[in-house]
PDB file of N, CA and C in Angstrom:
ATOM      1  N   MET A   1       0.878  -0.735  -0.613  1.00  0.00           N
ATOM      2  CA  MET A   1      -0.120  -0.403   0.354  1.00  0.00           C
ATOM      3  C   MET A   1       0.912   1.047   0.022  1.00  0.00           C
ATOM      4  N   SER A   2       0.462   2.217  -1.443  1.00  0.00           N
ATOM      5  CA  SER A   2       1.249   3.411  -1.223  1.00  0.00           C
ATOM      6  C   SER A   2       1.180   4.200   0.010  1.00  0.00           C
ATOM      7  N   LEU A   3       2.170   5.169   0.435  1.00  0.00           N
ATOM      8  CA  LEU A   3       1.595   6.529   1.102  1.00  0.00           C
ATOM      9  C   LEU A   3       0.869   6.811   1.164  1.00  0.00           C
ATOM     10  N   GLY A   4       0.148   7.686  -0.315  1.00  0.00           N
ATOM     11  CA  GLY A   4      -0.426   8.192  -0.540  1.00  0.00           C
ATOM     12  C   GLY A   4      -1.654   7.409  -0.105  1.00  0.00           C
ATOM     13  N   CYS A   5      -2.399   6.393  -0.470  1.00  0.00           N
ATOM     14  CA  CYS A   5      -3.518   5.264   0.349  1.00  0.00           C
ATOM     15  C   CYS A   5      -3.853   5.156   1.027  1.00  0.00           C
ATOM     16  N   LYS A   6      -2.644   5.328   1.733  1.00  0.00           N
ATOM     17  CA  LYS A   6      -1.981   5.494   3.599  1.00  0.00           C
ATOM     18  C   LYS A   6      -3.309   6.842   4.021  1.00  0.00           C
ATOM     19  N   LEU A   7      -2.611   7.608   3.060  1.00  0.00           N
ATOM     20  CA  LEU A   7      -2.610   9.188   4.263  1.00  0.00           C
ATOM     21  C   LEU A   7      -4.348   9.524   3.324  1.00  0.00           C
ATOM     22  N   LEU A   8      -5.045   8.520   2.657  1.00  0.00           N
ATOM     23  CA  LEU A   8      -6.240   9.123   2.293  1.00  0.00           C
ATOM     24  C   LEU A   8      -7.174   7.985   3.276  1.00  0.00           C
ATOM     25  N   VAL A   9      -5.935   7.039   3.809  1.00  0.00           N
ATOM     26  CA  VAL A   9      -7.274   6.094   4.597  1.00  0.00           C
ATOM     27  C   VAL A   9      -7.489   7.039   5.591  1.00  0.00           C
ATOM     28  N   VAL A  10      -6.131   7.779   6.630  1.00  0.00           N
ATOM     29  CA  VAL A  10      -6.424   8.834   7.715  1.00  0.00           C
ATOM     30  C   VAL A  10      -7.005   9.547   7.106  1.00  0.00           C
ATOM     31  N   PHE A  11      -7.383  10.375   5.997  1.00  0.00           N
ATOM     32  CA  PHE A  11      -8.349  11.307   6.250  1.00  0.00           C
ATOM     33  C   PHE A  11      -9.333  10.914   5.826  1.00  0.00           C
ATOM     34  N   LEU A  12     -10.002   9.843   5.302  1.00  0.00           N
ATOM     35  CA  LEU A  12     -11.763   9.238   5.638  1.00  0.00           C
ATOM     36  C   LEU A  12     -11.802   8.905   6.879  1.00  0.00           C
ATOM     37  N   ALA A  13     -10.939   8.957   7.828  1.00  0.00           N
ATOM     38  CA  ALA A  13     -11.180   8.184   8.869  1.00  0.00           C
ATOM     39  C   ALA A  13     -11.138  10.597   9.159  1.00  0.00           C
ATOM     40  N   PHE A  14     -10.714  11.119   9.790  1.00  0.00           N
ATOM     41  CA  PHE A  14     -10.988  12.573   9.650  1.00  0.00           C
ATOM     42  C   PHE A  14     -12.121  12.923   9.642  1.00  0.00           C
ATOM     43  N   LEU A  15     -12.280  12.857   8.051  1.00  0.00           N
ATOM     44  CA  LEU A  15     -13.841  13.086   7.373  1.00  0.00           C
ATOM     45  C   LEU A  15     -15.002  12.311   8.640  1.00  0.00           C
ATOM     46  N   ALA A  16     -14.968  11.536   8.818  1.00  0.00           N
ATOM     47  CA  ALA A  16     -15.994  10.508   9.478  1.00  0.00           C
ATOM     48  C   ALA A  16     -15.936  11.390  10.614  1.00  0.00           C
ATOM     49  N   VAL A  17     -14.377  11.991  11.888  1.00  0.00           N
ATOM     50  CA  VAL A  17     -14.135  12.151  13.256  1.00  0.00           C
ATOM     51  C   VAL A  17     -15.665  12.972  12.694  1.00  0.00           C
ATOM     52  N   LEU A  18     -15.384  13.769  11.708  1.00  0.00           N
ATOM     53  CA  LEU A  18     -15.684  15.133  11.705  1.00  0.00           C
ATOM     54  C   LEU A  18     -17.347  14.867  11.416  1.00  0.00           C
ATOM     55  N   ALA A  19     -17.764  13.778  10.769  1.00  0.00           N
ATOM     56  CA  ALA A  19     -19.699  14.346  10.427  1.00  0.00           C
ATOM     57  C   ALA A  19     -20.166  13.845  11.823  1.00  0.00           C
ATOM     58  N   VAL A  20     -19.330  12.629  12.516  1.00  0.00           N
ATOM     59  CA  VAL A  20     -19.910  12.339  13.808  1.00  0.00           C
ATOM     60  C   VAL A  20     -20.177  13.940  14.817  1.00  0.00           C
ATOM     61  N   VAL A  21     -18.860  14.449  14.832  1.00  0.00           N
ATOM     62  CA  VAL A  21     -19.056  15.665  15.969  1.00  0.00           C
ATOM     63  C   VAL A  21     -20.512  16.434  14.982  1.00  0.00           C
ATOM     64  N   ILE A  22     -20.432  16.875  13.959  1.00  0.00           N
ATOM     65  CA  ILE A  22     -21.172  17.318  13.560  1.00  0.00           C
ATOM     66  C   ILE A  22     -22.786  16.959  13.661  1.00  0.00           C
ATOM     67  N   TRP A  23     -23.269  15.598  13.096  1.00  0.00           N
ATOM     68  CA  TRP A  23     -24.288  15.137  13.188  1.00  0.00           C
ATOM     69  C   TRP A  23     -24.069  15.090  14.637  1.00  0.00           C
ATOM     70  N   MET A  24     -23.831  14.840  15.901  1.00  0.00           N
ATOM     71  CA  MET A  24     -24.248  15.086  17.353  1.00  0.00           C
ATOM     72  C   MET A  24     -24.991  16.106  18.184  1.00  0.00           C
ATOM     73  N   ALA A  25     -23.820  17.051  17.461  1.00  0.00           N
ATOM     74  CA  ALA A  25     -24.215  18.716  17.581  1.00  0.00           C
ATOM     75  C   ALA A  25     -25.190  18.910  16.868  1.00  0.00           C
ATOM     76  N   PHE A  26     -25.874  18.898  15.783  1.00  0.00           N
ATOM     77  CA  PHE A  26     -26.677  19.921  15.347  1.00  0.00           C
ATOM     78  C   PHE A  26     -28.124  18.619  15.998  1.00  0.00           C
ATOM     79  N   ARG A  27     -27.676  17.578  16.175  1.00  0.00           N
ATOM     80  CA  ARG A  27     -28.551  16.235  17.249  1.00  0.00           C
ATOM     81  C   ARG A  27     -29.346  16.433  18.530  1.00  0.00           C
ATOM     82  N   GLU A  28     -27.961  16.791  18.637  1.00  0.00           N
ATOM     83  CA  GLU A  28     -28.496  17.964  20.741  1.00  0.00           C
ATOM     84  C   GLU A  28     -29.061  19.021  20.261  1.00  0.00           C
ATOM     85  N   ARG A  29     -28.644  19.636  19.627  1.00  0.00           N
ATOM     86  CA  ARG A  29     -29.208  21.337  19.615  1.00  0.00           C
ATOM     87  C   ARG A  29     -30.910  20.665  19.151  1.00  0.00           C
ATOM     88  N   ARG A  30     -31.505  20.514  18.165  1.00  0.00           N
ATOM     89  CA  ARG A  30     -32.857  19.795  17.959  1.00  0.00           C
ATOM     90  C   ARG A  30     -33.283  18.938  19.326  1.00  0.00           C
ATOM     91  N   LEU A  31     -32.863  17.995  19.984  1.00  0.00           N
ATOM     92  CA  LEU A  31     -33.531  17.919  21.538  1.00  0.00           C
ATOM     93  C   LEU A  31     -33.407  18.552  21.771  1.00  0.00           C
ATOM     94  N   ALA A  32     -32.468  19.697  21.956  1.00  0.00           N
ATOM     95  CA  ALA A  32     -32.658  20.871  23.360  1.00  0.00           C
ATOM     96  C   ALA A  32     -33.798  21.282  23.126  1.00  0.00           C
ATOM     97  N   ARG A  33     -34.458  22.024  22.286  1.00  0.00           N
ATOM     98  CA  ARG A  33     -35.041  22.382  21.749  1.00  0.00           C
ATOM     99  C   ARG A  33     -36.843  21.985  22.735  1.00  0.00           C
ATOM    100  N   SER A  34     -36.789  20.954  22.867  1.00  0.00           N
ATOM    101  CA  SER A  34     -38.026  20.301  23.194  1.00  0.00           C
ATOM    102  C   SER A  34     -37.932  20.711  24.812  1.00  0.00           C
ATOM    103  N   ILE A  35     -36.413  21.099  25.673  1.00  0.00           N
ATOM    104  CA  ILE A  35     -36.622  20.555  27.324  1.00  0.00           C
ATOM    105  C   ILE A  35     -37.008  22.062  27.540  1.00  0.00           C
ATOM    106  N   PRO A  36     -38.224  22.169  28.435  1.00  0.00           N
ATOM    107  CA  PRO A  36     -38.565  23.135  29.301  1.00  0.00           C
ATOM    108  C   PRO A  36     -37.427  23.921  29.904  1.00  0.00           C
ATOM    109  N   GLU A  37     -37.855  24.962  29.736  1.00  0.00           N
ATOM    110  CA  GLU A  37     -36.475  25.892  30.176  1.00  0.00           C
ATOM    111  C   GLU A  37     -36.768  25.233  32.031  1.00  0.00           C
ATOM    112  N   GLY A  38     -36.908  25.132  32.834  1.00  0.00           N
ATOM    113  CA  GLY A  38     -36.754  24.972  33.728  1.00  0.00           C
ATOM    114  C   GLY A  38     -36.045  23.906  34.103  1.00  0.00           C
ATOM    115  N   ASP A  39     -36.232  23.094  32.735  1.00  0.00           N
ATOM    116  CA  ASP A  39     -35.526  21.675  33.255  1.00  0.00           C
ATOM    117  C   ASP A  39     -33.887  21.898  33.262  1.00  0.00           C
ATOM    118  N   LEU A  40     -32.737  21.997  34.500  1.00  0.00           N
ATOM    119  CA  LEU A  40     -31.971  21.924  34.824  1.00  0.00           C
ATOM    120  C   LEU A  40     -30.341  20.512  33.821  1.00  0.00           C
ATOM    121  N   ALA A  41     -31.287  20.147  34.977  1.00  0.00           N
ATOM    122  CA  ALA A  41     -31.207  18.628  34.476  1.00  0.00           C
ATOM    123  C   ALA A  41     -30.958  18.186  32.940  1.00  0.00           C
ATOM    124  N   ALA A  42     -31.878  18.238  32.945  1.00  0.00           N
ATOM    125  CA  ALA A  42     -31.785  17.520  31.348  1.00  0.00           C
ATOM    126  C   ALA A  42     -30.635  18.794  30.934  1.00  0.00           C
ATOM    127  N   GLN A  43     -31.083  19.635  30.926  1.00  0.00           N
ATOM    128  CA  GLN A  43     -29.789  21.094  30.478  1.00  0.00           C
ATOM    129  C   GLN A  43     -28.728  20.505  29.424  1.00  0.00           C
ATOM    130  N   GLN A  44     -28.055  20.393  31.587  1.00  0.00           N
ATOM    131  CA  GLN A  44     -26.578  20.304  31.759  1.00  0.00           C
ATOM    132  C   GLN A  44     -26.580  19.165  31.209  1.00  0.00           C
ATOM    133  N   ALA A  45     -27.193  17.395  30.998  1.00  0.00           N
ATOM    134  CA  ALA A  45     -27.406  16.358  31.027  1.00  0.00           C
ATOM    135  C   ALA A  45     -27.308  16.279  29.081  1.00  0.00           C
ATOM    136  N   ALA A  46     -27.867  17.250  27.933  1.00  0.00           N
ATOM    137  CA  ALA A  46     -27.371  17.893  26.521  1.00  0.00           C
ATOM    138  C   ALA A  46     -25.883  18.086  26.045  1.00  0.00           C
ATOM    139  N   ASP A  47     -26.017  18.772  26.991  1.00  0.00           N
ATOM    140  CA  ASP A  47     -24.819  19.441  27.312  1.00  0.00           C
ATOM    141  C   ASP A  47     -23.387  19.032  27.354  1.00  0.00           C
ATOM    142  N   GLY A  48     -23.604  17.851  28.168  1.00  0.00           N
ATOM    143  CA  GLY A  48     -22.346  16.732  28.808  1.00  0.00           C
ATOM    144  C   GLY A  48     -21.982  15.693  27.657  1.00  0.00           C
ATOM    145  N   ARG A  49     -23.276  15.495  27.074  1.00  0.00           N
ATOM    146  CA  ARG A  49     -23.097  15.149  25.641  1.00  0.00           C
ATOM    147  C   ARG A  49     -22.574  15.520  24.582  1.00  0.00           C
ATOM    148  N   VAL A  50     -22.948  16.684  24.423  1.00  0.00           N
ATOM    149  CA  VAL A  50     -22.247  17.240  23.342  1.00  0.00           C
ATOM    150  C   VAL A  50     -20.638  17.773  23.503  1.00  0.00           C
ATOM    151  N   LEU A  51     -19.900  18.185  24.861  1.00  0.00           N
ATOM    152  CA  LEU A  51     -19.077  18.126  25.031  1.00  0.00           C
ATOM    153  C   LEU A  51     -18.151  16.984  25.095  1.00  0.00           C
ATOM    154  N   ALA A  52     -19.122  15.761  26.063  1.00  0.00           N
ATOM    155  CA  ALA A  52     -17.896  14.285  25.205  1.00  0.00           C
ATOM    156  C   ALA A  52     -17.771  13.870  24.270  1.00  0.00           C
ATOM    157  N   THR A  53     -18.441  14.103  22.724  1.00  0.00           N
ATOM    158  CA  THR A  53     -18.443  14.577  21.832  1.00  0.00           C
ATOM    159  C   THR A  53     -17.601  14.963  21.137  1.00  0.00           C
ATOM    160  N   VAL A  54     -17.749  16.395  21.439  1.00  0.00           N
ATOM    161  CA  VAL A  54     -16.681  17.177  21.297  1.00  0.00           C
ATOM    162  C   VAL A  54     -14.645  17.045  21.958  1.00  0.00           C
ATOM    163  N   PHE A  55     -14.971  16.772  22.528  1.00  0.00           N
ATOM    164  CA  PHE A  55     -13.477  16.523  23.609  1.00  0.00           C
ATOM    165  C   PHE A  55     -13.678  14.687  23.449  1.00  0.00           C
ATOM    166  N   GLY A  56     -14.028  13.986  22.521  1.00  0.00           N
ATOM    167  CA  GLY A  56     -13.694  12.641  22.185  1.00  0.00           C
ATOM    168  C   GLY A  56     -12.847  12.682  20.959  1.00  0.00           C
ATOM    169  N   ALA A  57     -13.414  13.527  20.055  1.00  0.00           N
ATOM    170  CA  ALA A  57     -13.129  13.855  18.956  1.00  0.00           C
ATOM    171  C   ALA A  57     -11.947  14.923  18.666  1.00  0.00           C
ATOM    172  N   ILE A  58     -11.713  15.207  19.181  1.00  0.00           N
ATOM    173  CA  ILE A  58     -10.171  16.183  19.419  1.00  0.00           C
ATOM    174  C   ILE A  58      -9.197  15.259  20.485  1.00  0.00           C
ATOM    175  N   LEU A  59      -9.461  13.721  20.818  1.00  0.00           N
ATOM    176  CA  LEU A  59      -8.494  12.944  20.531  1.00  0.00           C
ATOM    177  C   LEU A  59      -8.392  12.397  19.896  1.00  0.00           C
ATOM    178  N   GLY A  60      -9.182  11.620  19.869  1.00  0.00           N
ATOM    179  CA  GLY A  60      -9.345  11.012  17.705  1.00  0.00           C
ATOM    180  C   GLY A  60      -8.210  11.926  16.790  1.00  0.00           C
ATOM    181  N   GLY A  61      -9.042  12.658  16.994  1.00  0.00           N
ATOM    182  CA  GLY A  61      -7.525  13.933  15.845  1.00  0.00           C
ATOM    183  C   GLY A  61      -6.524  13.224  16.241  1.00  0.00           C
ATOM    184  N   MET A  62      -6.112  13.881  17.987  1.00  0.00           N
ATOM    185  CA  MET A  62      -4.659  13.521  17.846  1.00  0.00           C
ATOM    186  C   MET A  62      -4.154  12.672  17.410  1.00  0.00           C
ATOM    187  N   MET A  63      -5.128  11.156  17.715  1.00  0.00           N
ATOM    188  CA  MET A  63      -4.223   9.972  17.180  1.00  0.00           C
ATOM    189  C   MET A  63      -4.664   9.540  16.525  1.00  0.00           C
ATOM    190  N   LEU A  64      -5.267  10.740  15.323  1.00  0.00           N
ATOM    191  CA  LEU A  64      -4.808  10.625  13.899  1.00  0.00           C
ATOM    192  C   LEU A  64      -3.671  11.145  13.681  1.00  0.00           C
ATOM    193  N   THR A  65      -3.352  12.276  13.983  1.00  0.00           N
ATOM    194  CA  THR A  65      -1.800  13.155  13.949  1.00  0.00           C
ATOM    195  C   THR A  65      -0.755  12.199  14.502  1.00  0.00           C
ATOM    196  N   PHE A  66      -0.721  11.692  15.093  1.00  0.00           N
ATOM    197  CA  PHE A  66       0.276  10.701  15.594  1.00  0.00           C
ATOM    198  C   PHE A  66       0.638   9.497  14.771  1.00  0.00           C
ATOM    199  N   LEU A  67      -0.831   9.022  14.186  1.00  0.00           N
ATOM    200  CA  LEU A  67      -1.091   8.419  13.133  1.00  0.00           C
ATOM    201  C   LEU A  67      -0.219   8.695  11.367  1.00  0.00           C
ATOM    202  N   VAL A  68      -0.377   9.476  11.206  1.00  0.00           N
ATOM    203  CA  VAL A  68      -0.048  10.566   9.737  1.00  0.00           C
ATOM    204  C   VAL A  68       1.512  10.470  10.084  1.00  0.00           C
ATOM    205  N   ALA A  69       2.058  11.118  11.322  1.00  0.00           N
ATOM    206  CA  ALA A  69       3.133  10.935  11.746  1.00  0.00           C
ATOM    207  C   ALA A  69       3.994   9.834  11.422  1.00  0.00           C
ATOM    208  N   TRP A  70       3.436   8.593  11.835  1.00  0.00           N
ATOM    209  CA  TRP A  70       4.013   7.671  11.553  1.00  0.00           C
ATOM    210  C   TRP A  70       4.127   6.957  10.451  1.00  0.00           C
ATOM    211  N   LEU A  71       3.198   7.208   9.819  1.00  0.00           N
ATOM    212  CA  LEU A  71       3.484   6.644   7.940  1.00  0.00           C
ATOM    213  C   LEU A  71       4.176   7.871   7.181  1.00  0.00           C
ATOM    214  N   VAL A  72       4.525   8.563   7.819  1.00  0.00           N
ATOM    215  CA  VAL A  72       5.156   9.910   6.829  1.00  0.00           C
ATOM    216  C   VAL A  72       6.720   9.752   7.385  1.00  0.00           C
ATOM    217  N   PHE A  73       6.979   9.750   7.877  1.00  0.00           N
ATOM    218  CA  PHE A  73       8.509   9.564   8.514  1.00  0.00           C
ATOM    219  C   PHE A  73       8.562   8.018   9.024  1.00  0.00           C
ATOM    220  N   PHE A  74       8.186   7.313   9.739  1.00  0.00           N
ATOM    221  CA  PHE A  74       8.669   5.539   9.550  1.00  0.00           C
ATOM    222  C   PHE A  74       8.420   4.596   8.439  1.00  0.00           C
TER     223      PHE A  74
END
């Protein structure tokens, strides 16, 4: 497998991570509209799910960065 093919796979993995984060954020935004204003616990839970997804994606991006560095330099 050539370096270009390996980097294409990494790029597709990056796009997959990005798509999941965008989908989750818009899904939670839509669901948050139905939460009553006084229900703080539900609002905090929705915020927590979005933050967990975003920070999980950050960690995934870091792993992809190390994978690219390993593919290119080793």
